[in-house]
Amino acid sequence: MGTINSELDSLIEGKKRVRNPLVPIGALMTAGVLTAGLISFKQGNSRLGQKLMRARVVVQGATVAVMVGTAYYYGDKI
């Protein structure tokens, strides 16, 4: 495992990490909607739970899209 980490470190040594503040916000939103959906299911409100699970998929997809977009945008620039 140590050799894999050292190889990765050598590959990205010259690259600067780009941090997008929208990614952690999206992750927290995904976790929040998921938690609310699970609570709704536990309370027996399956209609609301289904809506929240669909909302989770949308929020999670948007977060992944932001991650991919950031990687694409900064891929050759740094």
PDB file of N, CA and C in Angstrom:
ATOM      1  N   MET A   1       0.823  -1.188   0.000  1.00  0.00           N
ATOM      2  CA  MET A   1       0.000   0.000   0.000  1.00  0.00           C
ATOM      3  C   MET A   1       0.868   1.253   0.000  1.00  0.00           C
ATOM      4  N   GLY A   2       2.010   1.180   0.646  1.00  0.00           N
ATOM      5  CA  GLY A   2       2.895   2.344   0.712  1.00  0.00           C
ATOM      6  C   GLY A   2       3.429   2.738  -0.646  1.00  0.00           C
ATOM      7  N   THR A   3       3.703   1.740  -1.504  1.00  0.00           N
ATOM      8  CA  THR A   3       4.231   2.061  -2.826  1.00  0.00           C
ATOM      9  C   THR A   3       3.168   2.723  -3.698  1.00  0.00           C
ATOM     10  N   ILE A   4       1.912   2.342  -3.526  1.00  0.00           N
ATOM     11  CA  ILE A   4       0.835   2.968  -4.301  1.00  0.00           C
ATOM     12  C   ILE A   4       0.716   4.432  -3.923  1.00  0.00           C
ATOM     13  N   ASN A   5       0.765   4.734  -2.623  1.00  0.00           N
ATOM     14  CA  ASN A   5       0.677   6.117  -2.174  1.00  0.00           C
ATOM     15  C   ASN A   5       1.849   6.940  -2.672  1.00  0.00           C
ATOM     16  N   SER A   6       3.042   6.365  -2.648  1.00  0.00           N
ATOM     17  CA  SER A   6       4.206   7.123  -3.112  1.00  0.00           C
ATOM     18  C   SER A   6       4.148   7.348  -4.615  1.00  0.00           C
ATOM     19  N   GLU A   7       3.601   6.377  -5.355  1.00  0.00           N
ATOM     20  CA  GLU A   7       3.444   6.564  -6.798  1.00  0.00           C
ATOM     21  C   GLU A   7       2.431   7.655  -7.094  1.00  0.00           C
ATOM     22  N   LEU A   8       1.322   7.661  -6.354  1.00  0.00           N
ATOM     23  CA  LEU A   8       0.321   8.706  -6.540  1.00  0.00           C
ATOM     24  C   LEU A   8       0.881  10.068  -6.175  1.00  0.00           C
ATOM     25  N   ASP A   9       1.641  10.136  -5.082  1.00  0.00           N
ATOM     26  CA  ASP A   9       2.243  11.400  -4.689  1.00  0.00           C
ATOM     27  C   ASP A   9       3.197  11.914  -5.755  1.00  0.00           C
ATOM     28  N   SER A  10       3.957  11.020  -6.372  1.00  0.00           N
ATOM     29  CA  SER A  10       4.888  11.453  -7.406  1.00  0.00           C
ATOM     30  C   SER A  10       4.153  11.907  -8.668  1.00  0.00           C
ATOM     31  N   LEU A  11       2.997  11.305  -8.949  1.00  0.00           N
ATOM     32  CA  LEU A  11       2.222  11.713 -10.116  1.00  0.00           C
ATOM     33  C   LEU A  11       1.614  13.102  -9.960  1.00  0.00           C
ATOM     34  N   ILE A  12       1.157  13.415  -8.757  1.00  0.00           N
ATOM     35  CA  ILE A  12       0.486  14.698  -8.557  1.00  0.00           C
ATOM     36  C   ILE A  12       1.362  15.718  -7.849  1.00  0.00           C
ATOM     37  N   GLU A  13       2.639  15.445  -7.774  1.00  0.00           N
ATOM     38  CA  GLU A  13       3.548  16.329  -7.061  1.00  0.00           C
ATOM     39  C   GLU A  13       3.540  17.740  -7.646  1.00  0.00           C
ATOM     40  N   GLY A  14       3.563  17.855  -8.947  1.00  0.00           N
ATOM     41  CA  GLY A  14       3.599  19.163  -9.581  1.00  0.00           C
ATOM     42  C   GLY A  14       2.236  19.806  -9.743  1.00  0.00           C
ATOM     43  N   LYS A  15       1.194  19.084  -9.450  1.00  0.00           N
ATOM     44  CA  LYS A  15      -0.160  19.607  -9.622  1.00  0.00           C
ATOM     45  C   LYS A  15      -0.651  20.236  -8.325  1.00  0.00           C
ATOM     46  N   LYS A  16      -1.385  21.309  -8.470  1.00  0.00           N
ATOM     47  CA  LYS A  16      -2.000  21.956  -7.321  1.00  0.00           C
ATOM     48  C   LYS A  16      -3.415  21.412  -7.163  1.00  0.00           C
ATOM     49  N   ARG A  17      -3.798  21.110  -5.960  1.00  0.00           N
ATOM     50  CA  ARG A  17      -5.151  20.626  -5.715  1.00  0.00           C
ATOM     51  C   ARG A  17      -6.133  21.779  -5.790  1.00  0.00           C
ATOM     52  N   VAL A  18      -7.232  21.530  -6.457  1.00  0.00           N
ATOM     53  CA  VAL A  18      -8.284  22.530  -6.558  1.00  0.00           C
ATOM     54  C   VAL A  18      -9.431  22.080  -5.671  1.00  0.00           C
ATOM     55  N   ARG A  19      -9.863  22.962  -4.826  1.00  0.00           N
ATOM     56  CA  ARG A  19     -10.958  22.637  -3.925  1.00  0.00           C
ATOM     57  C   ARG A  19     -12.170  23.468  -4.323  1.00  0.00           C
ATOM     58  N   ASN A  20     -13.266  22.779  -4.530  1.00  0.00           N
ATOM     59  CA  ASN A  20     -14.496  23.446  -4.889  1.00  0.00           C
ATOM     60  C   ASN A  20     -15.404  23.434  -3.663  1.00  0.00           C
ATOM     61  N   PRO A  21     -15.796  24.612  -3.165  1.00  0.00           N
ATOM     62  CA  PRO A  21     -16.615  24.647  -1.950  1.00  0.00           C
ATOM     63  C   PRO A  21     -18.012  24.074  -2.153  1.00  0.00           C
ATOM     64  N   LEU A  22     -18.450  23.904  -3.392  1.00  0.00           N
ATOM     65  CA  LEU A  22     -19.776  23.353  -3.638  1.00  0.00           C
ATOM     66  C   LEU A  22     -19.839  21.850  -3.379  1.00  0.00           C
ATOM     67  N   VAL A  23     -18.702  21.174  -3.450  1.00  0.00           N
ATOM     68  CA  VAL A  23     -18.694  19.717  -3.264  1.00  0.00           C
ATOM     69  C   VAL A  23     -19.038  19.333  -1.817  1.00  0.00           C
ATOM     70  N   PRO A  24     -18.399  19.912  -0.794  1.00  0.00           N
ATOM     71  CA  PRO A  24     -18.804  19.547   0.563  1.00  0.00           C
ATOM     72  C   PRO A  24     -20.241  19.982   0.880  1.00  0.00           C
ATOM     73  N   ILE A  25     -20.669  21.108   0.328  1.00  0.00           N
ATOM     74  CA  ILE A  25     -22.048  21.554   0.534  1.00  0.00           C
ATOM     75  C   ILE A  25     -23.008  20.534  -0.070  1.00  0.00           C
ATOM     76  N   GLY A  26     -22.707  20.071  -1.269  1.00  0.00           N
ATOM     77  CA  GLY A  26     -23.544  19.059  -1.912  1.00  0.00           C
ATOM     78  C   GLY A  26     -23.558  17.753  -1.147  1.00  0.00           C
ATOM     79  N   ALA A  27     -22.411  17.376  -0.593  1.00  0.00           N
ATOM     80  CA  ALA A  27     -22.343  16.136   0.192  1.00  0.00           C
ATOM     81  C   ALA A  27     -23.191  16.254   1.459  1.00  0.00           C
ATOM     82  N   LEU A  28     -23.127  17.398   2.110  1.00  0.00           N
ATOM     83  CA  LEU A  28     -23.949  17.603   3.302  1.00  0.00           C
ATOM     84  C   LEU A  28     -25.433  17.631   2.961  1.00  0.00           C
ATOM     85  N   MET A  29     -25.779  18.251   1.842  1.00  0.00           N
ATOM     86  CA  MET A  29     -27.177  18.274   1.423  1.00  0.00           C
ATOM     87  C   MET A  29     -27.671  16.860   1.107  1.00  0.00           C
ATOM     88  N   THR A  30     -26.828  16.081   0.438  1.00  0.00           N
ATOM     89  CA  THR A  30     -27.188  14.698   0.129  1.00  0.00           C
ATOM     90  C   THR A  30     -27.437  13.907   1.409  1.00  0.00           C
ATOM     91  N   ALA A  31     -26.533  14.051   2.366  1.00  0.00           N
ATOM     92  CA  ALA A  31     -26.690  13.338   3.636  1.00  0.00           C
ATOM     93  C   ALA A  31     -27.941  13.803   4.381  1.00  0.00           C
ATOM     94  N   GLY A  32     -28.227  15.089   4.337  1.00  0.00           N
ATOM     95  CA  GLY A  32     -29.408  15.615   5.011  1.00  0.00           C
ATOM     96  C   GLY A  32     -30.705  15.102   4.412  1.00  0.00           C
ATOM     97  N   VAL A  33     -30.780  15.111   3.077  1.00  0.00           N
ATOM     98  CA  VAL A  33     -31.987  14.630   2.411  1.00  0.00           C
ATOM     99  C   VAL A  33     -32.149  13.125   2.625  1.00  0.00           C
ATOM    100  N   LEU A  34     -31.050  12.393   2.588  1.00  0.00           N
ATOM    101  CA  LEU A  34     -31.099  10.955   2.846  1.00  0.00           C
ATOM    102  C   LEU A  34     -31.609  10.675   4.260  1.00  0.00           C
ATOM    103  N   THR A  35     -31.092  11.398   5.230  1.00  0.00           N
ATOM    104  CA  THR A  35     -31.522  11.218   6.618  1.00  0.00           C
ATOM    105  C   THR A  35     -33.011  11.529   6.770  1.00  0.00           C
ATOM    106  N   ALA A  36     -33.448  12.632   6.178  1.00  0.00           N
ATOM    107  CA  ALA A  36     -34.870  12.993   6.261  1.00  0.00           C
ATOM    108  C   ALA A  36     -35.736  11.932   5.603  1.00  0.00           C
ATOM    109  N   GLY A  37     -35.286  11.389   4.487  1.00  0.00           N
ATOM    110  CA  GLY A  37     -36.041  10.339   3.811  1.00  0.00           C
ATOM    111  C   GLY A  37     -36.149   9.080   4.636  1.00  0.00           C
ATOM    112  N   LEU A  38     -35.051   8.690   5.259  1.00  0.00           N
ATOM    113  CA  LEU A  38     -35.067   7.495   6.105  1.00  0.00           C
ATOM    114  C   LEU A  38     -35.970   7.683   7.322  1.00  0.00           C
ATOM    115  N   ILE A  39     -35.944   8.882   7.886  1.00  0.00           N
ATOM    116  CA  ILE A  39     -36.823   9.173   9.018  1.00  0.00           C
ATOM    117  C   ILE A  39     -38.289   9.109   8.576  1.00  0.00           C
ATOM    118  N   SER A  40     -38.576   9.642   7.391  1.00  0.00           N
ATOM    119  CA  SER A  40     -39.949   9.599   6.875  1.00  0.00           C
ATOM    120  C   SER A  40     -40.425   8.166   6.690  1.00  0.00           C
ATOM    121  N   PHE A  41     -39.556   7.321   6.137  1.00  0.00           N
ATOM    122  CA  PHE A  41     -39.923   5.920   5.967  1.00  0.00           C
ATOM    123  C   PHE A  41     -40.186   5.254   7.318  1.00  0.00           C
ATOM    124  N   LYS A  42     -39.334   5.561   8.294  1.00  0.00           N
ATOM    125  CA  LYS A  42     -39.490   4.947   9.613  1.00  0.00           C
ATOM    126  C   LYS A  42     -40.790   5.377  10.285  1.00  0.00           C
ATOM    127  N   GLN A  43     -41.210   6.612  10.022  1.00  0.00           N
ATOM    128  CA  GLN A  43     -42.447   7.117  10.606  1.00  0.00           C
ATOM    129  C   GLN A  43     -43.680   6.659   9.832  1.00  0.00           C
ATOM    130  N   GLY A  44     -43.482   5.965   8.728  1.00  0.00           N
ATOM    131  CA  GLY A  44     -44.598   5.438   7.967  1.00  0.00           C
ATOM    132  C   GLY A  44     -45.106   6.342   6.860  1.00  0.00           C
ATOM    133  N   ASN A  45     -44.418   7.426   6.600  1.00  0.00           N
ATOM    134  CA  ASN A  45     -44.825   8.354   5.547  1.00  0.00           C
ATOM    135  C   ASN A  45     -44.050   7.998   4.274  1.00  0.00           C
ATOM    136  N   SER A  46     -44.507   6.962   3.588  1.00  0.00           N
ATOM    137  CA  SER A  46     -43.749   6.464   2.437  1.00  0.00           C
ATOM    138  C   SER A  46     -43.800   7.412   1.246  1.00  0.00           C
ATOM    139  N   ARG A  47     -44.875   8.161   1.095  1.00  0.00           N
ATOM    140  CA  ARG A  47     -44.968   9.105  -0.036  1.00  0.00           C
ATOM    141  C   ARG A  47     -43.898  10.193   0.084  1.00  0.00           C
ATOM    142  N   LEU A  48     -43.779  10.789   1.264  1.00  0.00           N
ATOM    143  CA  LEU A  48     -42.749  11.805   1.481  1.00  0.00           C
ATOM    144  C   LEU A  48     -41.356  11.185   1.384  1.00  0.00           C
ATOM    145  N   GLY A  49     -41.204   9.979   1.917  1.00  0.00           N
ATOM    146  CA  GLY A  49     -39.913   9.297   1.840  1.00  0.00           C
ATOM    147  C   GLY A  49     -39.473   9.076   0.410  1.00  0.00           C
ATOM    148  N   GLN A  50     -40.408   8.689  -0.467  1.00  0.00           N
ATOM    149  CA  GLN A  50     -40.074   8.489  -1.878  1.00  0.00           C
ATOM    150  C   GLN A  50     -39.650   9.802  -2.534  1.00  0.00           C
ATOM    151  N   LYS A  51     -40.356  10.875  -2.216  1.00  0.00           N
ATOM    152  CA  LYS A  51     -39.997  12.184  -2.781  1.00  0.00           C
ATOM    153  C   LYS A  51     -38.607  12.610  -2.324  1.00  0.00           C
ATOM    154  N   LEU A  52     -38.314  12.355  -1.062  1.00  0.00           N
ATOM    155  CA  LEU A  52     -36.996  12.717  -0.549  1.00  0.00           C
ATOM    156  C   LEU A  52     -35.899  11.851  -1.158  1.00  0.00           C
ATOM    157  N   MET A  53     -36.177  10.597  -1.405  1.00  0.00           N
ATOM    158  CA  MET A  53     -35.176   9.739  -2.041  1.00  0.00           C
ATOM    159  C   MET A  53     -34.913  10.191  -3.476  1.00  0.00           C
ATOM    160  N   ARG A  54     -35.942  10.619  -4.161  1.00  0.00           N
ATOM    161  CA  ARG A  54     -35.749  11.162  -5.517  1.00  0.00           C
ATOM    162  C   ARG A  54     -34.968  12.459  -5.467  1.00  0.00           C
ATOM    163  N   ALA A  55     -35.254  13.285  -4.472  1.00  0.00           N
ATOM    164  CA  ALA A  55     -34.505  14.534  -4.306  1.00  0.00           C
ATOM    165  C   ALA A  55     -33.040  14.237  -4.006  1.00  0.00           C
ATOM    166  N   ARG A  56     -32.796  13.186  -3.228  1.00  0.00           N
ATOM    167  CA  ARG A  56     -31.412  12.808  -2.918  1.00  0.00           C
ATOM    168  C   ARG A  56     -30.644  12.452  -4.177  1.00  0.00           C
ATOM    169  N   VAL A  57     -31.304  11.731  -5.075  1.00  0.00           N
ATOM    170  CA  VAL A  57     -30.644  11.349  -6.326  1.00  0.00           C
ATOM    171  C   VAL A  57     -30.279  12.592  -7.131  1.00  0.00           C
ATOM    172  N   VAL A  58     -31.173  13.564  -7.164  1.00  0.00           N
ATOM    173  CA  VAL A  58     -30.913  14.804  -7.907  1.00  0.00           C
ATOM    174  C   VAL A  58     -29.754  15.573  -7.280  1.00  0.00           C
ATOM    175  N   VAL A  59     -29.776  15.719  -5.964  1.00  0.00           N
ATOM    176  CA  VAL A  59     -28.713  16.460  -5.271  1.00  0.00           C
ATOM    177  C   VAL A  59     -27.376  15.741  -5.424  1.00  0.00           C
ATOM    178  N   GLN A  60     -27.401  14.428  -5.301  1.00  0.00           N
ATOM    179  CA  GLN A  60     -26.167  13.656  -5.443  1.00  0.00           C
ATOM    180  C   GLN A  60     -25.630  13.758  -6.866  1.00  0.00           C
ATOM    181  N   GLY A  61     -26.514  13.706  -7.847  1.00  0.00           N
ATOM    182  CA  GLY A  61     -26.087  13.848  -9.235  1.00  0.00           C
ATOM    183  C   GLY A  61     -25.481  15.213  -9.507  1.00  0.00           C
ATOM    184  N   ALA A  62     -26.087  16.248  -8.936  1.00  0.00           N
ATOM    185  CA  ALA A  62     -25.540  17.597  -9.109  1.00  0.00           C
ATOM    186  C   ALA A  62     -24.153  17.712  -8.476  1.00  0.00           C
ATOM    187  N   THR A  63     -23.978  17.082  -7.322  1.00  0.00           N
ATOM    188  CA  THR A  63     -22.667  17.113  -6.656  1.00  0.00           C
ATOM    189  C   THR A  63     -21.608  16.415  -7.506  1.00  0.00           C
ATOM    190  N   VAL A  64     -21.948  15.276  -8.053  1.00  0.00           N
ATOM    191  CA  VAL A  64     -21.004  14.556  -8.919  1.00  0.00           C
ATOM    192  C   VAL A  64     -20.716  15.373 -10.175  1.00  0.00           C
ATOM    193  N   ALA A  65     -21.730  16.028 -10.723  1.00  0.00           N
ATOM    194  CA  ALA A  65     -21.524  16.862 -11.908  1.00  0.00           C
ATOM    195  C   ALA A  65     -20.577  18.021 -11.604  1.00  0.00           C
ATOM    196  N   VAL A  66     -20.699  18.617 -10.428  1.00  0.00           N
ATOM    197  CA  VAL A  66     -19.786  19.695 -10.037  1.00  0.00           C
ATOM    198  C   VAL A  66     -18.365  19.162  -9.898  1.00  0.00           C
ATOM    199  N   MET A  67     -18.226  17.973  -9.327  1.00  0.00           N
ATOM    200  CA  MET A  67     -16.890  17.378  -9.185  1.00  0.00           C
ATOM    201  C   MET A  67     -16.257  17.122 -10.549  1.00  0.00           C
ATOM    202  N   VAL A  68     -17.029  16.535 -11.456  1.00  0.00           N
ATOM    203  CA  VAL A  68     -16.503  16.233 -12.796  1.00  0.00           C
ATOM    204  C   VAL A  68     -16.215  17.521 -13.549  1.00  0.00           C
ATOM    205  N   GLY A  69     -17.110  18.481 -13.432  1.00  0.00           N
ATOM    206  CA  GLY A  69     -16.896  19.760 -14.109  1.00  0.00           C
ATOM    207  C   GLY A  69     -15.652  20.473 -13.619  1.00  0.00           C
ATOM    208  N   THR A  70     -15.432  20.448 -12.311  1.00  0.00           N
ATOM    209  CA  THR A  70     -14.233  21.071 -11.747  1.00  0.00           C
ATOM    210  C   THR A  70     -12.976  20.358 -12.233  1.00  0.00           C
ATOM    211  N   ALA A  71     -13.006  19.030 -12.245  1.00  0.00           N
ATOM    212  CA  ALA A  71     -11.844  18.265 -12.711  1.00  0.00           C
ATOM    213  C   ALA A  71     -11.579  18.544 -14.187  1.00  0.00           C
ATOM    214  N   TYR A  72     -12.627  18.646 -14.975  1.00  0.00           N
ATOM    215  CA  TYR A  72     -12.464  18.920 -16.408  1.00  0.00           C
ATOM    216  C   TYR A  72     -11.925  20.333 -16.619  1.00  0.00           C
ATOM    217  N   TYR A  73     -12.488  21.297 -15.907  1.00  0.00           N
ATOM    218  CA  TYR A  73     -12.102  22.698 -16.091  1.00  0.00           C
ATOM    219  C   TYR A  73     -10.645  22.937 -15.694  1.00  0.00           C
ATOM    220  N   TYR A  74     -10.234  22.362 -14.568  1.00  0.00           N
ATOM    221  CA  TYR A  74      -8.878  22.579 -14.081  1.00  0.00           C
ATOM    222  C   TYR A  74      -7.894  21.508 -14.506  1.00  0.00           C
ATOM    223  N   GLY A  75      -8.342  20.534 -15.281  1.00  0.00           N
ATOM    224  CA  GLY A  75      -7.490  19.409 -15.637  1.00  0.00           C
ATOM    225  C   GLY A  75      -6.182  19.793 -16.296  1.00  0.00           C
ATOM    226  N   ASP A  76      -6.206  20.633 -17.299  1.00  0.00           N
ATOM    227  CA  ASP A  76      -4.993  20.997 -18.025  1.00  0.00           C
ATOM    228  C   ASP A  76      -4.419  22.324 -17.601  1.00  0.00           C
ATOM    229  N   LYS A  77      -5.094  23.044 -16.738  1.00  0.00           N
ATOM    230  CA  LYS A  77      -4.675  24.387 -16.381  1.00  0.00           C
ATOM    231  C   LYS A  77      -3.666  24.431 -15.242  1.00  0.00           C
ATOM    232  N   ILE A  78      -3.612  23.337 -14.472  1.00  0.00           N
ATOM    233  CA  ILE A  78      -2.724  23.382 -13.304  1.00  0.00           C
ATOM    234  C   ILE A  78      -1.555  22.441 -13.514  1.00  0.00           C
TER     235      ILE A  78
END
